[in-house]
Amino acid sequence: MIVDATNSPYTLSTNIGAGQNWLVAADGIMNTTGGRTVDSDITVAGQWYLDPVTSYPNLTLANGASATLTVVDGGYVECLNAVRMGRYGNTATLNVSGGQFKAKNIEGLSTIGVHYVQTGGTVTITDRMVVSGAAGSSSSYTISGGTLELTLADARYGLTVGVANGDRAGRFEIVGSNAAVSLAGLGCIYDTLAFTFDAAGVSAFNANRFRFGDNTKIALDLDSLIGAGTFTLINFSGLDSGVILDDERLATMLAYDGDMDVTLQRDGNSVKAVIVPEPATMGLLGLGLVGMVLRRRNR
């Protein structure tokens, strides 16, 4: 099904079943009445409004079959109520490469996996987001470009990854230095908060407040990093009641198995990764420099 200028504005008054792939073209406008389920792939390059605030949720993605919602450049999706992602073991994927996706709240429900993949555009959540809400869930949010913003300034709510004392299967990952993550409220990271560095470093995770669980891990991938240094990973205005973030606690949270010497350090209201080459690596670099000097002398 294609929604474009020839049939816009189009009113979606039924559910979308499996295999019924949809496209809201750049010149298309689609409105939704009532709460709807989408069990197929839908791409939005135009405008899709899910606006009846009396229906909860506005949208259930992957209720009876796996489904992907993709927002591309110029696309705009607005849900004035809730989006539920993945039910009854079905995999739901939100893929934002451009445009804007806006919702009041969004919940990842599937124990198999709900995946948020953002490479560009803007994702705006005005209440709360649950990336991984079930113990053992492999759900994830990966952002390598664009902006993720949670605008509710409430110290009790915000972004949740995993459940208290979970098993670290859920994951929120920032890839490279071209993404922006900003939470006006609380960041609850019970599972894994991951940072994959590019050559220049990695973007920081910014939240008003943070809460960590007993099993929270901060995972680092430094394979693409050129050089070493000190990099800010987390910025916050405060920590939730009872959260201790000293050197001993940060050492237990670090997950890294590469060739660099890495420590996590708290610096006021931030957490930083201090990265230096191991002595063996420094020795190899030194031998390389000596070799270069000798070759120049032999010339």
C-alpha atoms as a PDB file:
ATOM      1  CA  MET A   1       0.000   0.000   0.000  1.00  0.00           C
ATOM      2  CA  ILE A   2       1.315   3.443  -0.949  1.00  0.00           C
ATOM      3  CA  VAL A   3      -0.018   6.625   0.612  1.00  0.00           C
ATOM      4  CA  ASP A   4       0.829   9.645  -1.530  1.00  0.00           C
ATOM      5  CA  ALA A   5      -0.684  12.841  -2.903  1.00  0.00           C
ATOM      6  CA  THR A   6      -3.284  10.886  -4.882  1.00  0.00           C
ATOM      7  CA  ASN A   7      -5.027   9.502  -1.777  1.00  0.00           C
ATOM      8  CA  SER A   8      -3.969  11.882   1.009  1.00  0.00           C
ATOM      9  CA  PRO A   9      -4.962  12.526   3.633  1.00  0.00           C
ATOM     10  CA  TYR A  10      -5.490   8.796   4.099  1.00  0.00           C
ATOM     11  CA  THR A  11      -7.271   7.504   7.203  1.00  0.00           C
ATOM     12  CA  LEU A  12      -6.023   4.192   8.550  1.00  0.00           C
ATOM     13  CA  SER A  13      -9.043   2.663  10.292  1.00  0.00           C
ATOM     14  CA  THR A  14      -7.951  -0.994  10.383  1.00  0.00           C
ATOM     15  CA  ASN A  15      -4.929  -2.967  11.542  1.00  0.00           C
ATOM     16  CA  ILE A  16      -2.060  -3.770   9.170  1.00  0.00           C
ATOM     17  CA  GLY A  17      -1.525  -7.523   8.929  1.00  0.00           C
ATOM     18  CA  ALA A  18       1.589  -9.520   8.117  1.00  0.00           C
ATOM     19  CA  GLY A  19       2.957  -9.144   4.601  1.00  0.00           C
ATOM     20  CA  GLN A  20       1.126  -5.873   3.892  1.00  0.00           C
ATOM     21  CA  ASN A  21       4.144  -3.632   3.443  1.00  0.00           C
ATOM     22  CA  TRP A  22       3.255   0.061   3.467  1.00  0.00           C
ATOM     23  CA  LEU A  23       4.928   3.273   2.292  1.00  0.00           C
ATOM     24  CA  VAL A  24       3.896   6.784   3.268  1.00  0.00           C
ATOM     25  CA  ALA A  25       5.562   8.675   0.434  1.00  0.00           C
ATOM     26  CA  ALA A  26       7.152  12.103   0.769  1.00  0.00           C
ATOM     27  CA  ASP A  27       3.918  13.765  -0.417  1.00  0.00           C
ATOM     28  CA  GLY A  28       1.678  11.461   1.621  1.00  0.00           C
ATOM     29  CA  ILE A  29      -0.278  12.125   4.828  1.00  0.00           C
ATOM     30  CA  MET A  30      -1.791   9.339   6.936  1.00  0.00           C
ATOM     31  CA  ASN A  31      -4.013   9.690   9.999  1.00  0.00           C
ATOM     32  CA  THR A  32      -4.920   6.857  12.359  1.00  0.00           C
ATOM     33  CA  THR A  33      -8.158   6.424  14.253  1.00  0.00           C
ATOM     34  CA  GLY A  34      -8.159   4.309  17.393  1.00  0.00           C
ATOM     35  CA  GLY A  35      -5.357   2.049  18.586  1.00  0.00           C
ATOM     36  CA  ARG A  36      -3.834   0.044  15.729  1.00  0.00           C
ATOM     37  CA  THR A  37      -1.525  -2.948  15.406  1.00  0.00           C
ATOM     38  CA  VAL A  38       1.074  -3.154  12.662  1.00  0.00           C
ATOM     39  CA  ASP A  39       2.458  -6.609  11.874  1.00  0.00           C
ATOM     40  CA  SER A  40       4.325  -5.666   8.708  1.00  0.00           C
ATOM     41  CA  ASP A  41       7.013  -3.243   7.542  1.00  0.00           C
ATOM     42  CA  ILE A  42       6.087   0.402   7.095  1.00  0.00           C
ATOM     43  CA  THR A  43       8.329   3.206   5.808  1.00  0.00           C
ATOM     44  CA  VAL A  44       7.472   6.850   6.408  1.00  0.00           C
ATOM     45  CA  ALA A  45       8.901   9.550   4.169  1.00  0.00           C
ATOM     46  CA  GLY A  46       5.830  11.767   4.571  1.00  0.00           C
ATOM     47  CA  GLN A  47       3.599  12.368   7.608  1.00  0.00           C
ATOM     48  CA  TRP A  48       1.842   9.877   9.885  1.00  0.00           C
ATOM     49  CA  TYR A  49      -0.288  11.134  12.764  1.00  0.00           C
ATOM     50  CA  LEU A  50      -1.505   8.718  15.450  1.00  0.00           C
ATOM     51  CA  ASP A  51      -3.485  11.259  17.394  1.00  0.00           C
ATOM     52  CA  PRO A  52      -6.481   9.866  19.348  1.00  0.00           C
ATOM     53  CA  VAL A  53      -5.304  10.399  22.909  1.00  0.00           C
ATOM     54  CA  THR A  54      -8.178   8.262  24.234  1.00  0.00           C
ATOM     55  CA  SER A  55      -6.657   5.100  22.715  1.00  0.00           C
ATOM     56  CA  TYR A  56      -3.920   3.314  24.629  1.00  0.00           C
ATOM     57  CA  PRO A  57      -1.707   2.478  22.980  1.00  0.00           C
ATOM     58  CA  ASN A  58      -1.880   4.419  19.708  1.00  0.00           C
ATOM     59  CA  LEU A  59       0.284   1.794  18.055  1.00  0.00           C
ATOM     60  CA  THR A  60       1.398  -1.755  18.751  1.00  0.00           C
ATOM     61  CA  LEU A  61       4.249  -2.728  16.440  1.00  0.00           C
ATOM     62  CA  ALA A  62       4.776  -6.499  15.978  1.00  0.00           C
ATOM     63  CA  ASN A  63       1.745  -7.785  17.835  1.00  0.00           C
ATOM     64  CA  GLY A  64       1.147 -10.933  15.759  1.00  0.00           C
ATOM     65  CA  ALA A  65       4.263 -10.996  13.549  1.00  0.00           C
ATOM     66  CA  SER A  66       7.653  -9.288  13.381  1.00  0.00           C
ATOM     67  CA  ALA A  67       7.541  -5.751  11.998  1.00  0.00           C
ATOM     68  CA  THR A  68       9.762  -2.729  11.288  1.00  0.00           C
ATOM     69  CA  LEU A  69       8.849   0.952  11.302  1.00  0.00           C
ATOM     70  CA  THR A  70      11.358   3.040   9.321  1.00  0.00           C
ATOM     71  CA  VAL A  71      11.477   6.843   9.333  1.00  0.00           C
ATOM     72  CA  VAL A  72      13.635   8.399   6.600  1.00  0.00           C
ATOM     73  CA  ASP A  73      14.645  11.943   5.618  1.00  0.00           C
ATOM     74  CA  GLY A  74      11.603  14.193   5.531  1.00  0.00           C
ATOM     75  CA  GLY A  75       9.442  11.686   7.412  1.00  0.00           C
ATOM     76  CA  TYR A  76       7.421  12.640  10.475  1.00  0.00           C
ATOM     77  CA  VAL A  77       5.634  10.264  12.865  1.00  0.00           C
ATOM     78  CA  GLU A  78       3.735  11.597  15.873  1.00  0.00           C
ATOM     79  CA  CYS A  79       2.014   9.490  18.547  1.00  0.00           C
ATOM     80  CA  LEU A  80       0.230  11.518  21.197  1.00  0.00           C
ATOM     81  CA  ASN A  81      -0.102   8.441  23.387  1.00  0.00           C
ATOM     82  CA  ALA A  82       1.933   5.233  23.638  1.00  0.00           C
ATOM     83  CA  VAL A  83       3.767   2.889  21.304  1.00  0.00           C
ATOM     84  CA  ARG A  84       4.204  -0.744  22.291  1.00  0.00           C
ATOM     85  CA  MET A  85       7.029  -2.639  20.644  1.00  0.00           C
ATOM     86  CA  GLY A  86       6.947  -6.422  20.264  1.00  0.00           C
ATOM     87  CA  ARG A  87       4.360  -8.650  21.907  1.00  0.00           C
ATOM     88  CA  TYR A  88       3.954 -12.426  22.221  1.00  0.00           C
ATOM     89  CA  GLY A  89       7.570 -13.102  21.269  1.00  0.00           C
ATOM     90  CA  ASN A  90       7.590 -11.056  18.053  1.00  0.00           C
ATOM     91  CA  THR A  91      10.538  -8.848  17.107  1.00  0.00           C
ATOM     92  CA  ALA A  92       9.847  -5.134  16.634  1.00  0.00           C
ATOM     93  CA  THR A  93      12.333  -2.686  15.123  1.00  0.00           C
ATOM     94  CA  LEU A  94      12.214   1.110  15.023  1.00  0.00           C
ATOM     95  CA  ASN A  95      14.692   2.353  12.420  1.00  0.00           C
ATOM     96  CA  VAL A  96      15.234   6.124  12.244  1.00  0.00           C
ATOM     97  CA  SER A  97      17.686   7.342   9.603  1.00  0.00           C
ATOM     98  CA  GLY A  98      16.218  10.830   9.183  1.00  0.00           C
ATOM     99  CA  GLY A  99      13.148  12.939   9.836  1.00  0.00           C
ATOM    100  CA  GLN A 100      11.487  12.814  13.270  1.00  0.00           C
ATOM    101  CA  PHE A 101       9.759  10.209  15.409  1.00  0.00           C
ATOM    102  CA  LYS A 102       7.807  11.649  18.326  1.00  0.00           C
ATOM    103  CA  ALA A 103       5.775   9.811  20.971  1.00  0.00           C
ATOM    104  CA  LYS A 104       4.570  10.289  24.529  1.00  0.00           C
ATOM    105  CA  ASN A 105       6.051   6.986  25.633  1.00  0.00           C
ATOM    106  CA  ILE A 106       7.383   3.840  24.025  1.00  0.00           C
ATOM    107  CA  GLU A 107       7.756   0.403  25.587  1.00  0.00           C
ATOM    108  CA  GLY A 108       9.793  -2.613  24.504  1.00  0.00           C
ATOM    109  CA  LEU A 109       7.848  -5.682  25.644  1.00  0.00           C
ATOM    110  CA  SER A 110       9.252  -8.696  23.791  1.00  0.00           C
ATOM    111  CA  THR A 111      11.558 -11.051  25.683  1.00  0.00           C
ATOM    112  CA  ILE A 112      13.101 -12.076  22.339  1.00  0.00           C
ATOM    113  CA  GLY A 113      14.126  -8.606  21.293  1.00  0.00           C
ATOM    114  CA  VAL A 114      13.018  -5.088  20.499  1.00  0.00           C
ATOM    115  CA  HIS A 115      15.527  -3.050  18.554  1.00  0.00           C
ATOM    116  CA  TYR A 116      15.821   0.688  18.146  1.00  0.00           C
ATOM    117  CA  VAL A 117      18.343   1.678  15.488  1.00  0.00           C
ATOM    118  CA  GLN A 118      19.028   5.369  14.982  1.00  0.00           C
ATOM    119  CA  THR A 119      21.538   6.579  12.398  1.00  0.00           C
ATOM    120  CA  GLY A 120      20.120  10.072  11.946  1.00  0.00           C
ATOM    121  CA  GLY A 121      17.070  12.251  12.458  1.00  0.00           C
ATOM    122  CA  THR A 122      15.456  13.051  15.802  1.00  0.00           C
ATOM    123  CA  VAL A 123      13.653  10.793  18.259  1.00  0.00           C
ATOM    124  CA  THR A 124      11.642  12.764  20.817  1.00  0.00           C
ATOM    125  CA  ILE A 125       9.917  11.072  23.774  1.00  0.00           C
ATOM    126  CA  THR A 126       7.842  13.390  25.946  1.00  0.00           C
ATOM    127  CA  ASP A 127       7.281  10.973  28.839  1.00  0.00           C
ATOM    128  CA  ARG A 128       9.297   7.755  29.148  1.00  0.00           C
ATOM    129  CA  MET A 129      11.037   5.036  27.134  1.00  0.00           C
ATOM    130  CA  VAL A 130      11.523   1.388  28.098  1.00  0.00           C
ATOM    131  CA  VAL A 131      14.178  -0.201  25.900  1.00  0.00           C
ATOM    132  CA  SER A 132      14.296  -3.545  27.661  1.00  0.00           C
ATOM    133  CA  GLY A 133      11.543  -4.220  30.148  1.00  0.00           C
ATOM    134  CA  ALA A 134      11.833  -7.968  30.674  1.00  0.00           C
ATOM    135  CA  ALA A 135      14.536  -9.973  32.435  1.00  0.00           C
ATOM    136  CA  GLY A 136      16.635 -11.802  29.873  1.00  0.00           C
ATOM    137  CA  SER A 137      15.477  -9.587  27.012  1.00  0.00           C
ATOM    138  CA  SER A 138      18.073  -8.893  24.320  1.00  0.00           C
ATOM    139  CA  SER A 139      16.445  -5.594  23.399  1.00  0.00           C
ATOM    140  CA  SER A 140      18.715  -2.732  22.412  1.00  0.00           C
ATOM    141  CA  TYR A 141      18.920   0.912  21.384  1.00  0.00           C
ATOM    142  CA  THR A 142      21.841   1.740  19.099  1.00  0.00           C
ATOM    143  CA  ILE A 143      22.480   5.340  18.082  1.00  0.00           C
ATOM    144  CA  SER A 144      25.270   6.380  15.721  1.00  0.00           C
ATOM    145  CA  GLY A 145      23.833   9.657  14.447  1.00  0.00           C
ATOM    146  CA  GLY A 146      21.047  12.127  15.030  1.00  0.00           C
ATOM    147  CA  THR A 147      19.467  13.145  18.335  1.00  0.00           C
ATOM    148  CA  LEU A 148      17.617  11.195  21.024  1.00  0.00           C
ATOM    149  CA  GLU A 149      15.834  13.449  23.498  1.00  0.00           C
ATOM    150  CA  LEU A 150      13.566  12.640  26.432  1.00  0.00           C
ATOM    151  CA  THR A 151      11.980  15.910  27.452  1.00  0.00           C
ATOM    152  CA  LEU A 152      10.087  15.077  30.682  1.00  0.00           C
ATOM    153  CA  ALA A 153      11.902  16.830  33.526  1.00  0.00           C
ATOM    154  CA  ASP A 154      10.905  14.324  36.204  1.00  0.00           C
ATOM    155  CA  ALA A 155      13.522  12.685  38.442  1.00  0.00           C
ATOM    156  CA  ARG A 156      11.383   9.496  38.640  1.00  0.00           C
ATOM    157  CA  TYR A 157      10.999   8.762  34.926  1.00  0.00           C
ATOM    158  CA  GLY A 158      12.975   8.719  31.714  1.00  0.00           C
ATOM    159  CA  LEU A 159      14.867   5.960  29.946  1.00  0.00           C
ATOM    160  CA  THR A 160      14.935   2.395  31.314  1.00  0.00           C
ATOM    161  CA  VAL A 161      17.260  -0.332  30.067  1.00  0.00           C
ATOM    162  CA  GLY A 162      16.579  -3.683  31.743  1.00  0.00           C
ATOM    163  CA  VAL A 163      15.063  -4.493  35.092  1.00  0.00           C
ATOM    164  CA  ALA A 164      16.509  -4.110  38.571  1.00  0.00           C
ATOM    165  CA  ASN A 165      19.245  -6.699  39.145  1.00  0.00           C
ATOM    166  CA  GLY A 166      18.766  -8.010  35.614  1.00  0.00           C
ATOM    167  CA  ASP A 167      21.152 -10.171  33.605  1.00  0.00           C
ATOM    168  CA  ARG A 168      22.731  -7.493  31.351  1.00  0.00           C
ATOM    169  CA  ALA A 169      21.052  -8.777  28.182  1.00  0.00           C
ATOM    170  CA  GLY A 170      19.526  -5.360  27.426  1.00  0.00           C
ATOM    171  CA  ARG A 171      21.801  -2.789  25.830  1.00  0.00           C
ATOM    172  CA  PHE A 172      21.973   0.930  25.090  1.00  0.00           C
ATOM    173  CA  GLU A 173      24.870   1.705  22.763  1.00  0.00           C
ATOM    174  CA  ILE A 174      26.367   4.944  21.474  1.00  0.00           C
ATOM    175  CA  VAL A 175      28.461   4.409  18.357  1.00  0.00           C
ATOM    176  CA  GLY A 176      30.992   7.047  17.376  1.00  0.00           C
ATOM    177  CA  SER A 177      31.083  10.786  17.957  1.00  0.00           C
ATOM    178  CA  ASN A 178      28.151  11.984  15.823  1.00  0.00           C
ATOM    179  CA  ALA A 179      25.180  11.229  18.091  1.00  0.00           C
ATOM    180  CA  ALA A 180      23.469  13.324  20.764  1.00  0.00           C
ATOM    181  CA  VAL A 181      21.651  11.784  23.756  1.00  0.00           C
ATOM    182  CA  SER A 182      19.855  14.044  26.218  1.00  0.00           C
ATOM    183  CA  LEU A 183      17.500  13.096  29.072  1.00  0.00           C
ATOM    184  CA  ALA A 184      15.723  15.787  31.062  1.00  0.00           C
ATOM    185  CA  GLY A 185      14.740  13.126  33.599  1.00  0.00           C
ATOM    186  CA  LEU A 186      16.148   9.849  34.888  1.00  0.00           C
ATOM    187  CA  GLY A 187      18.370   7.334  33.142  1.00  0.00           C
ATOM    188  CA  CYS A 188      17.843   3.858  34.649  1.00  0.00           C
ATOM    189  CA  ILE A 189      20.591   1.592  33.316  1.00  0.00           C
ATOM    190  CA  TYR A 190      20.199  -1.847  34.855  1.00  0.00           C
ATOM    191  CA  ASP A 191      21.843  -3.799  32.040  1.00  0.00           C
ATOM    192  CA  THR A 192      24.618  -2.599  29.681  1.00  0.00           C
ATOM    193  CA  LEU A 193      25.558   0.930  28.649  1.00  0.00           C
ATOM    194  CA  ALA A 194      27.973   0.550  25.727  1.00  0.00           C
ATOM    195  CA  PHE A 195      30.287   2.968  23.943  1.00  0.00           C
ATOM    196  CA  THR A 196      31.842   2.076  20.589  1.00  0.00           C
ATOM    197  CA  PHE A 197      34.567   4.582  19.754  1.00  0.00           C
ATOM    198  CA  ASP A 198      35.349   5.897  16.295  1.00  0.00           C
ATOM    199  CA  ALA A 199      38.768   7.325  15.399  1.00  0.00           C
ATOM    200  CA  ALA A 200      38.053  10.556  17.305  1.00  0.00           C
ATOM    201  CA  GLY A 201      36.227   9.169  20.349  1.00  0.00           C
ATOM    202  CA  VAL A 202      32.577   8.775  21.294  1.00  0.00           C
ATOM    203  CA  SER A 203      29.568  10.936  22.162  1.00  0.00           C
ATOM    204  CA  ALA A 204      28.544  11.269  25.791  1.00  0.00           C
ATOM    205  CA  PHE A 205      25.294  10.136  27.421  1.00  0.00           C
ATOM    206  CA  ASN A 206      23.671  13.159  29.111  1.00  0.00           C
ATOM    207  CA  ALA A 207      20.949  12.815  31.750  1.00  0.00           C
ATOM    208  CA  ASN A 208      19.593  14.868  34.620  1.00  0.00           C
ATOM    209  CA  ARG A 209      19.896  11.903  36.987  1.00  0.00           C
ATOM    210  CA  PHE A 210      21.169   8.330  36.825  1.00  0.00           C
ATOM    211  CA  ARG A 211      20.263   5.055  38.501  1.00  0.00           C
ATOM    212  CA  PHE A 212      22.401   1.928  38.129  1.00  0.00           C
ATOM    213  CA  GLY A 213      21.717  -1.656  39.147  1.00  0.00           C
ATOM    214  CA  ASP A 214      23.946  -4.149  40.913  1.00  0.00           C
ATOM    215  CA  ASN A 215      24.822  -5.792  37.584  1.00  0.00           C
ATOM    216  CA  THR A 216      25.163  -2.704  35.384  1.00  0.00           C
ATOM    217  CA  LYS A 217      28.096  -2.795  32.982  1.00  0.00           C
ATOM    218  CA  ILE A 218      29.776   0.008  31.022  1.00  0.00           C
ATOM    219  CA  ALA A 219      31.155  -1.723  27.937  1.00  0.00           C
ATOM    220  CA  LEU A 220      33.837  -0.143  25.749  1.00  0.00           C
ATOM    221  CA  ASP A 221      34.910  -0.999  22.190  1.00  0.00           C
ATOM    222  CA  LEU A 222      38.112   0.845  21.293  1.00  0.00           C
ATOM    223  CA  ASP A 223      39.085  -0.993  18.107  1.00  0.00           C
ATOM    224  CA  SER A 224      38.632   2.095  15.901  1.00  0.00           C
ATOM    225  CA  LEU A 225      40.119   4.646  18.298  1.00  0.00           C
ATOM    226  CA  ILE A 226      43.293   6.346  17.088  1.00  0.00           C
ATOM    227  CA  GLY A 227      45.569   7.332  19.941  1.00  0.00           C
ATOM    228  CA  ALA A 228      44.575   7.566  23.589  1.00  0.00           C
ATOM    229  CA  GLY A 229      43.380  10.111  26.103  1.00  0.00           C
ATOM    230  CA  THR A 230      40.534  10.943  28.473  1.00  0.00           C
ATOM    231  CA  PHE A 231      36.987  10.786  27.128  1.00  0.00           C
ATOM    232  CA  THR A 232      33.732  11.808  28.806  1.00  0.00           C
ATOM    233  CA  LEU A 233      31.160   9.010  28.707  1.00  0.00           C
ATOM    234  CA  ILE A 234      28.410  10.206  31.053  1.00  0.00           C
ATOM    235  CA  ASN A 235      27.252  13.631  32.240  1.00  0.00           C
ATOM    236  CA  PHE A 236      24.642  14.085  34.975  1.00  0.00           C
ATOM    237  CA  SER A 237      23.288  16.656  37.376  1.00  0.00           C
ATOM    238  CA  GLY A 238      22.810  14.128  40.167  1.00  0.00           C
ATOM    239  CA  LEU A 239      22.554  10.459  41.085  1.00  0.00           C
ATOM    240  CA  ASP A 240      19.491   8.624  42.327  1.00  0.00           C
ATOM    241  CA  SER A 241      19.228   7.993  46.055  1.00  0.00           C
ATOM    242  CA  GLY A 242      21.579   5.242  47.228  1.00  0.00           C
ATOM    243  CA  VAL A 243      23.715   5.158  44.081  1.00  0.00           C
ATOM    244  CA  ILE A 244      27.450   5.025  44.841  1.00  0.00           C
ATOM    245  CA  LEU A 245      29.785   5.810  41.997  1.00  0.00           C
ATOM    246  CA  ASP A 246      33.293   5.692  43.448  1.00  0.00           C
ATOM    247  CA  ASP A 247      36.435   4.201  41.873  1.00  0.00           C
ATOM    248  CA  GLU A 248      35.776   0.745  43.311  1.00  0.00           C
ATOM    249  CA  ARG A 249      32.225   0.661  41.942  1.00  0.00           C
ATOM    250  CA  LEU A 250      33.315   1.934  38.525  1.00  0.00           C
ATOM    251  CA  ALA A 251      36.002  -0.754  38.350  1.00  0.00           C
ATOM    252  CA  THR A 252      33.363  -3.462  38.757  1.00  0.00           C
ATOM    253  CA  MET A 253      31.169  -1.847  36.093  1.00  0.00           C
ATOM    254  CA  LEU A 254      33.856  -1.700  33.397  1.00  0.00           C
ATOM    255  CA  ALA A 255      33.623  -4.298  30.631  1.00  0.00           C
ATOM    256  CA  TYR A 256      36.646  -4.158  28.319  1.00  0.00           C
ATOM    257  CA  ASP A 257      38.974  -6.894  27.097  1.00  0.00           C
ATOM    258  CA  GLY A 258      41.191  -5.095  24.583  1.00  0.00           C
ATOM    259  CA  ASP A 259      44.875  -4.145  24.524  1.00  0.00           C
ATOM    260  CA  MET A 260      44.618  -0.696  26.123  1.00  0.00           C
ATOM    261  CA  ASP A 261      44.920   0.182  29.787  1.00  0.00           C
ATOM    262  CA  VAL A 262      41.494   1.583  30.686  1.00  0.00           C
ATOM    263  CA  THR A 263      40.055   2.951  33.906  1.00  0.00           C
ATOM    264  CA  LEU A 264      36.754   4.663  34.637  1.00  0.00           C
ATOM    265  CA  GLN A 265      36.930   7.731  36.832  1.00  0.00           C
ATOM    266  CA  ARG A 266      34.324  10.031  38.288  1.00  0.00           C
ATOM    267  CA  ASP A 267      35.084  13.701  37.752  1.00  0.00           C
ATOM    268  CA  GLY A 268      32.431  15.718  39.526  1.00  0.00           C
ATOM    269  CA  ASN A 269      29.206  15.158  37.634  1.00  0.00           C
ATOM    270  CA  SER A 270      30.707  13.072  34.872  1.00  0.00           C
ATOM    271  CA  VAL A 271      32.226   9.647  34.280  1.00  0.00           C
ATOM    272  CA  LYS A 272      35.302   9.530  32.091  1.00  0.00           C
ATOM    273  CA  ALA A 273      37.344   6.778  30.493  1.00  0.00           C
ATOM    274  CA  VAL A 274      41.068   7.223  30.891  1.00  0.00           C
ATOM    275  CA  ILE A 275      42.744   5.293  28.090  1.00  0.00           C
ATOM    276  CA  VAL A 276      46.472   4.725  27.693  1.00  0.00           C
ATOM    277  CA  PRO A 277      48.400   2.104  25.687  1.00  0.00           C
ATOM    278  CA  GLU A 278      49.714  -0.832  27.687  1.00  0.00           C
ATOM    279  CA  PRO A 279      53.513  -0.929  28.259  1.00  0.00           C
ATOM    280  CA  ALA A 280      53.966  -3.630  25.616  1.00  0.00           C
ATOM    281  CA  THR A 281      52.118  -1.501  23.084  1.00  0.00           C
ATOM    282  CA  MET A 282      54.189   1.540  24.041  1.00  0.00           C
ATOM    283  CA  GLY A 283      57.326  -0.552  23.536  1.00  0.00           C
ATOM    284  CA  LEU A 284      56.230  -1.564  20.053  1.00  0.00           C
ATOM    285  CA  LEU A 285      55.502   2.055  19.222  1.00  0.00           C
ATOM    286  CA  GLY A 286      58.939   3.005  20.509  1.00  0.00           C
ATOM    287  CA  LEU A 287      60.614   0.327  18.382  1.00  0.00           C
ATOM    288  CA  GLY A 288      58.712   1.621  15.393  1.00  0.00           C
ATOM    289  CA  LEU A 289      59.995   5.122  15.950  1.00  0.00           C
ATOM    290  CA  VAL A 290      63.569   3.879  16.368  1.00  0.00           C
ATOM    291  CA  GLY A 291      63.251   1.922  13.135  1.00  0.00           C
ATOM    292  CA  MET A 292      62.074   5.013  11.294  1.00  0.00           C
ATOM    293  CA  VAL A 293      65.035   7.011  12.588  1.00  0.00           C
ATOM    294  CA  LEU A 294      67.523   4.298  11.580  1.00  0.00           C
ATOM    295  CA  ARG A 295      66.064   4.027   8.090  1.00  0.00           C
ATOM    296  CA  ARG A 296      66.394   7.776   7.629  1.00  0.00           C
ATOM    297  CA  ARG A 297      70.039   7.669   8.793  1.00  0.00           C
ATOM    298  CA  ASN A 298      70.859   4.812   6.428  1.00  0.00           C
ATOM    299  CA  ARG A 299      69.571   6.900   3.558  1.00  0.00           C
END
